[in-house]
Every structure is written in C-alpha cells, then in structure tokens.
N, C-alpha and C. Protein backbone atom coordinates (compact mmCIF):
# COMPACT_ATOMS: atom_id res chain seq x y z
N UNK A 1 -23.31 -14.64 3.47
CA UNK A 1 -23.46 -13.97 4.95
C UNK A 1 -23.92 -12.60 4.35
N UNK A 2 -25.22 -12.09 5.70
CA UNK A 2 -25.58 -10.85 5.01
C UNK A 2 -25.31 -10.08 6.60
N UNK A 3 -24.54 -8.97 6.13
CA UNK A 3 -24.01 -8.33 7.37
C UNK A 3 -25.17 -6.68 7.27
N UNK A 4 -25.54 -5.97 8.35
CA UNK A 4 -25.98 -4.51 8.10
C UNK A 4 -24.84 -3.72 8.31
N UNK A 5 -25.14 -2.56 7.92
CA UNK A 5 -24.21 -1.42 7.84
C UNK A 5 -23.54 -1.59 9.53
N UNK A 6 -24.39 -1.37 10.32
CA UNK A 6 -24.06 -1.44 11.71
C UNK A 6 -23.00 -2.84 12.26
N UNK A 7 -23.52 -3.51 11.83
CA UNK A 7 -22.67 -4.61 11.61
C UNK A 7 -20.65 -4.65 11.15
N UNK A 8 -21.10 -4.13 10.16
CA UNK A 8 -19.20 -4.10 9.14
C UNK A 8 -18.86 -2.90 9.90
N UNK A 9 -19.28 -1.67 10.33
CA UNK A 9 -18.08 -0.76 11.21
C UNK A 9 -17.64 -1.89 12.51
N UNK A 10 -18.64 -2.44 13.30
CA UNK A 10 -18.01 -3.41 14.17
C UNK A 10 -17.14 -4.53 13.83
N UNK A 11 -17.42 -5.12 12.33
CA UNK A 11 -16.55 -5.96 11.87
C UNK A 11 -15.22 -5.53 11.17
N UNK A 12 -15.05 -3.94 11.25
CA UNK A 12 -13.83 -3.48 10.67
C UNK A 12 -12.59 -3.42 11.83
N UNK A 13 -13.07 -3.23 12.94
CA UNK A 13 -12.32 -3.28 14.24
C UNK A 13 -11.70 -4.95 14.53
N UNK A 14 -13.07 -6.01 14.11
CA UNK A 14 -12.54 -7.36 14.76
C UNK A 14 -12.13 -8.09 13.87
N UNK A 15 -12.42 -8.34 12.39
CA UNK A 15 -11.98 -8.74 11.52
C UNK A 15 -11.81 -8.59 10.20
N UNK A 16 -10.46 -7.42 9.85
CA UNK A 16 -10.49 -6.45 8.49
C UNK A 16 -10.46 -7.17 7.10
N UNK A 17 -9.79 -8.56 7.28
CA UNK A 17 -9.93 -9.68 6.04
C UNK A 17 -11.66 -9.44 5.50
N UNK A 18 -12.06 -10.20 6.63
CA UNK A 18 -13.85 -10.37 6.32
C UNK A 18 -14.58 -8.80 5.63
N UNK A 19 -14.14 -8.27 6.46
CA UNK A 19 -14.74 -6.87 6.19
C UNK A 19 -14.70 -6.10 4.87
N UNK A 20 -12.94 -6.48 4.51
CA UNK A 20 -13.44 -6.13 3.17
C UNK A 20 -13.81 -7.02 2.13
N UNK A 21 -13.88 -8.40 2.22
CA UNK A 21 -14.52 -9.25 1.30
C UNK A 21 -15.89 -9.23 1.51
N UNK A 22 -16.68 -8.43 2.57
CA UNK A 22 -18.24 -8.51 2.87
C UNK A 22 -18.23 -7.00 2.27
N UNK A 23 -17.88 -5.68 2.11
CA UNK A 23 -17.89 -4.34 1.10
C UNK A 23 -17.21 -5.06 -0.16
N UNK A 24 -16.71 -5.67 -0.51
CA UNK A 24 -16.47 -5.76 -1.86
C UNK A 24 -17.46 -6.97 -2.70
N UNK A 25 -18.51 -7.76 -1.68
CA UNK A 25 -19.32 -8.71 -2.39
C UNK A 25 -20.49 -7.51 -2.21
N UNK A 26 -20.90 -6.48 -1.22
CA UNK A 26 -21.70 -5.58 -1.37
C UNK A 26 -21.47 -4.70 -2.73
N UNK A 27 -20.87 -4.31 -3.51
CA UNK A 27 -19.84 -3.35 -4.48
C UNK A 27 -20.67 -4.18 -5.29
N UNK A 28 -20.11 -5.14 -5.64
CA UNK A 28 -20.03 -6.06 -6.73
C UNK A 28 -21.73 -6.45 -6.96
N UNK A 29 -22.53 -6.33 -5.95
CA UNK A 29 -24.04 -6.59 -6.08
C UNK A 29 -24.95 -5.08 -6.21
N UNK A 30 -24.21 -4.21 -6.15
CA UNK A 30 -23.99 -2.88 -6.40
C UNK A 30 -25.55 -2.77 -5.00
N UNK A 31 -24.74 -3.25 -3.90
CA UNK A 31 -25.79 -2.54 -2.56
C UNK A 31 -25.02 -1.57 -2.04
N UNK A 32 -25.28 -0.42 -2.98
CA UNK A 32 -24.19 0.22 -2.23
C UNK A 32 -24.39 1.38 -0.60
N UNK A 33 -25.86 0.85 -0.55
CA UNK A 33 -26.50 1.49 0.28
C UNK A 33 -26.35 1.03 1.89
N UNK A 34 -25.55 -0.48 1.81
CA UNK A 34 -25.08 -1.38 2.75
C UNK A 34 -23.84 -1.20 2.98
N UNK A 35 -22.83 -0.59 2.07
CA UNK A 35 -22.03 -0.10 2.74
C UNK A 35 -20.98 0.51 3.25
N UNK A 36 -19.97 -0.15 4.21
CA UNK A 36 -19.41 0.96 5.39
C UNK A 36 -18.88 1.72 4.53
N UNK A 37 -19.57 2.89 3.80
CA UNK A 37 -18.41 4.01 3.42
C UNK A 37 -17.77 4.82 4.06
N UNK A 38 -17.75 4.77 5.44
CA UNK A 38 -16.91 5.72 6.29
C UNK A 38 -15.35 5.21 5.96
N UNK A 39 -15.46 4.17 6.39
CA UNK A 39 -14.27 3.46 6.88
C UNK A 39 -13.26 3.06 5.62
N UNK A 40 -14.45 2.27 4.70
CA UNK A 40 -13.91 1.86 3.30
C UNK A 40 -13.58 3.14 2.50
N UNK A 41 -13.92 4.77 2.47
CA UNK A 41 -12.83 5.74 1.80
C UNK A 41 -11.83 6.08 3.36
N UNK A 42 -11.83 6.08 4.30
CA UNK A 42 -10.93 6.02 4.73
C UNK A 42 -9.39 4.63 4.53
N UNK A 43 -10.08 4.01 4.30
CA UNK A 43 -8.95 2.84 4.31
C UNK A 43 -8.05 3.09 2.31
N UNK A 44 -9.06 4.11 1.76
CA UNK A 44 -8.77 3.95 0.10
C UNK A 44 -8.17 5.72 0.49
N UNK A 45 -7.97 6.21 0.94
CA UNK A 45 -7.25 7.26 1.19
C UNK A 45 -5.94 6.68 1.75
N UNK A 46 -5.93 6.20 2.81
CA UNK A 46 -4.59 5.40 3.54
C UNK A 46 -3.98 5.01 2.34
N UNK A 47 -4.11 4.29 1.83
CA UNK A 47 -3.66 3.35 0.57
C UNK A 47 -3.15 4.26 -0.14
N UNK A 48 -3.69 4.98 -0.65
CA UNK A 48 -3.19 6.26 -1.58
C UNK A 48 -2.12 6.68 -1.04
N UNK A 49 -1.87 7.22 0.52
CA UNK A 49 -1.08 7.52 1.04
C UNK A 49 0.57 6.62 0.80
N UNK A 50 0.12 5.85 1.42
CA UNK A 50 1.45 4.46 1.47
C UNK A 50 2.37 4.71 0.15
N UNK A 51 0.95 4.52 -0.97
CA UNK A 51 1.82 4.17 -2.48
C UNK A 51 2.63 5.24 -2.66
N UNK A 52 2.16 6.20 -2.55
CA UNK A 52 2.61 7.60 -2.69
C UNK A 52 4.00 7.71 -1.72
N UNK A 53 3.96 7.17 -0.44
CA UNK A 53 5.20 7.50 0.10
C UNK A 53 6.23 6.18 -0.26
N UNK A 54 5.80 5.01 -0.48
CA UNK A 54 6.40 3.97 -1.16
C UNK A 54 7.25 4.40 -2.62
N UNK A 55 6.55 5.19 -3.26
CA UNK A 55 6.78 5.68 -4.47
C UNK A 55 8.10 6.63 -4.56
N UNK A 56 7.56 7.52 -3.48
CA UNK A 56 8.74 8.48 -3.23
C UNK A 56 9.98 8.20 -2.85
N UNK A 57 9.78 6.90 -1.77
CA UNK A 57 11.09 6.40 -1.24
C UNK A 57 11.97 5.83 -2.62
N UNK A 58 11.12 4.83 -3.27
CA UNK A 58 11.99 4.05 -4.65
C UNK A 58 12.32 5.26 -5.44
N UNK A 59 11.83 6.59 -5.39
CA UNK A 59 12.60 7.47 -6.60
C UNK A 59 13.68 8.00 -6.12
N UNK A 60 13.54 8.17 -4.88
CA UNK A 60 14.87 8.77 -3.58
C UNK A 60 16.19 7.73 -4.04
N UNK A 61 16.06 6.31 -3.97
CA UNK A 61 16.77 5.01 -4.29
C UNK A 61 17.46 5.14 -5.70
N UNK A 62 16.96 5.40 -6.56
CA UNK A 62 16.76 5.67 -7.66
C UNK A 62 18.07 6.34 -8.19
N UNK A 63 17.44 7.62 -7.78
CA UNK A 63 18.14 8.98 -7.75
C UNK A 63 19.63 8.60 -7.25
N UNK A 64 19.41 8.19 -6.33
CA UNK A 64 21.16 8.17 -5.57
C UNK A 64 21.81 7.15 -5.94
N UNK A 65 21.25 6.33 -6.67
CA UNK A 65 21.99 5.42 -7.68
C UNK A 65 22.37 5.76 -8.99
N UNK A 66 21.43 6.71 -9.34
CA UNK A 66 22.51 7.34 -10.36
C UNK A 66 23.00 8.88 -10.26
N UNK A 67 22.77 9.21 -9.15
CA UNK A 67 24.13 9.79 -9.09
C UNK A 67 25.29 9.45 -8.44
N UNK A 68 25.83 8.32 -7.85
CA UNK A 68 26.88 7.62 -7.67
C UNK A 68 27.24 6.48 -9.16
N UNK A 69 26.33 6.53 -10.06
CA UNK A 69 27.21 5.94 -11.35
C UNK A 69 27.36 7.24 -11.87
N UNK A 70 27.24 8.63 -11.82
CA UNK A 70 27.70 9.48 -12.56
C UNK A 70 29.19 9.91 -12.01
N UNK A 71 28.81 9.64 -10.36
CA UNK A 71 30.08 10.44 -9.61
C UNK A 71 31.08 9.48 -9.10
N UNK A 72 30.27 8.12 -9.01
CA UNK A 72 31.64 6.79 -8.27
C UNK A 72 31.61 5.67 -9.23
N UNK A 73 32.00 6.06 -10.96
CA UNK A 73 31.90 4.68 -11.75
C UNK A 73 32.85 4.01 -10.94
N UNK A 74 34.30 4.51 -10.65
CA UNK A 74 35.51 3.57 -10.34
C UNK A 74 35.05 3.05 -9.03
N UNK A 75 34.49 3.08 -8.30
CA UNK A 75 33.91 2.49 -7.28
C UNK A 75 32.76 1.48 -7.40
N UNK A 76 32.86 0.73 -8.07
CA UNK A 76 31.93 -0.01 -9.08
C UNK A 76 31.33 -1.15 -7.53
N UNK A 77 32.50 -1.54 -7.12
CA UNK A 77 32.34 -2.84 -5.98
C UNK A 77 31.38 -2.20 -4.88
N UNK A 78 32.25 -1.31 -4.20
CA UNK A 78 30.93 -0.39 -3.15
C UNK A 78 29.67 -0.26 -3.06
N UNK A 79 29.25 0.25 -4.68
CA UNK A 79 28.32 0.33 -5.14
C UNK A 79 27.37 -0.46 -5.46
N UNK A 80 27.76 -1.79 -5.43
CA UNK A 80 27.09 -3.28 -6.25
C UNK A 80 26.61 -3.97 -4.48
N UNK A 81 27.31 -3.52 -3.54
CA UNK A 81 26.85 -4.14 -2.39
C UNK A 81 25.52 -3.17 -2.11
N UNK A 82 26.04 -2.03 -1.80
CA UNK A 82 24.71 -1.18 -1.68
C UNK A 82 23.55 -1.52 -2.39
N UNK A 83 23.76 -1.65 -3.65
CA UNK A 83 22.24 -2.42 -4.52
C UNK A 83 21.78 -3.47 -4.21
N UNK A 84 22.85 -4.23 -3.59
CA UNK A 84 22.21 -5.67 -2.99
C UNK A 84 21.46 -5.42 -1.88
N UNK A 85 21.92 -4.47 -1.45
CA UNK A 85 21.57 -4.66 0.41
C UNK A 85 19.88 -4.04 0.20
N UNK A 86 19.97 -2.80 -0.77
CA UNK A 86 18.74 -2.31 -1.05
C UNK A 86 17.41 -3.58 -1.64
N UNK A 87 18.10 -4.24 -2.16
CA UNK A 87 17.19 -5.42 -3.28
C UNK A 87 16.81 -6.45 -1.97
N UNK A 88 17.67 -7.04 -1.03
CA UNK A 88 17.15 -7.33 0.33
C UNK A 88 16.25 -6.68 1.38
N UNK A 89 16.22 -5.38 1.42
CA UNK A 89 15.59 -4.64 2.43
C UNK A 89 14.11 -4.78 1.29
N UNK A 90 13.74 -4.90 0.27
CA UNK A 90 12.03 -5.28 -0.20
C UNK A 90 11.40 -6.31 0.37
C-alpha cells in the first residue's frame, strides 16, 4: 500500500494507527521524501512532553513516599493504604 505525502496528511486525521505504520514503513525503506514530517515531528515532540510530565509525576509520588517514610514511620498502615491506592491508579 503506497500512499503519497498528501494522502498521509489526510490519513493522520482519519486513521492514526495506519498513518504510524505507513510512516514507519517509509522510514525503514529510507523513503524519506514521502514521510509526513510535519505531523511526525509534532507527534515526537508531544510524546516527549507526555513522558516528561509522567516522569515528574512519578518522581513527586516517590518524594512524597520518602518524606512520609522518614517522618511518619509509626503510621505505616495509613501509608500502606495510600501506596496501594497509587499503584491501582496506574
């Protein structure tokens, strides 16, 4: 299935998975002139932002748990319940 660059731009809005697979095939075949670079670069940038946001969120939870471990060791039951709650949210 060979799609032209303009068709890829349209496909991006209609079938994201197929758009990804088609661009992946083009990149593997080194057909760089046919890749939908505009949308691809935007997706990579958005992915990096999501990953950073997720990392910051997880680091905040770790820091909170370390703080509680250091300052509230006597109340392990409440801390354990919160830890289990955070694990279920993932």
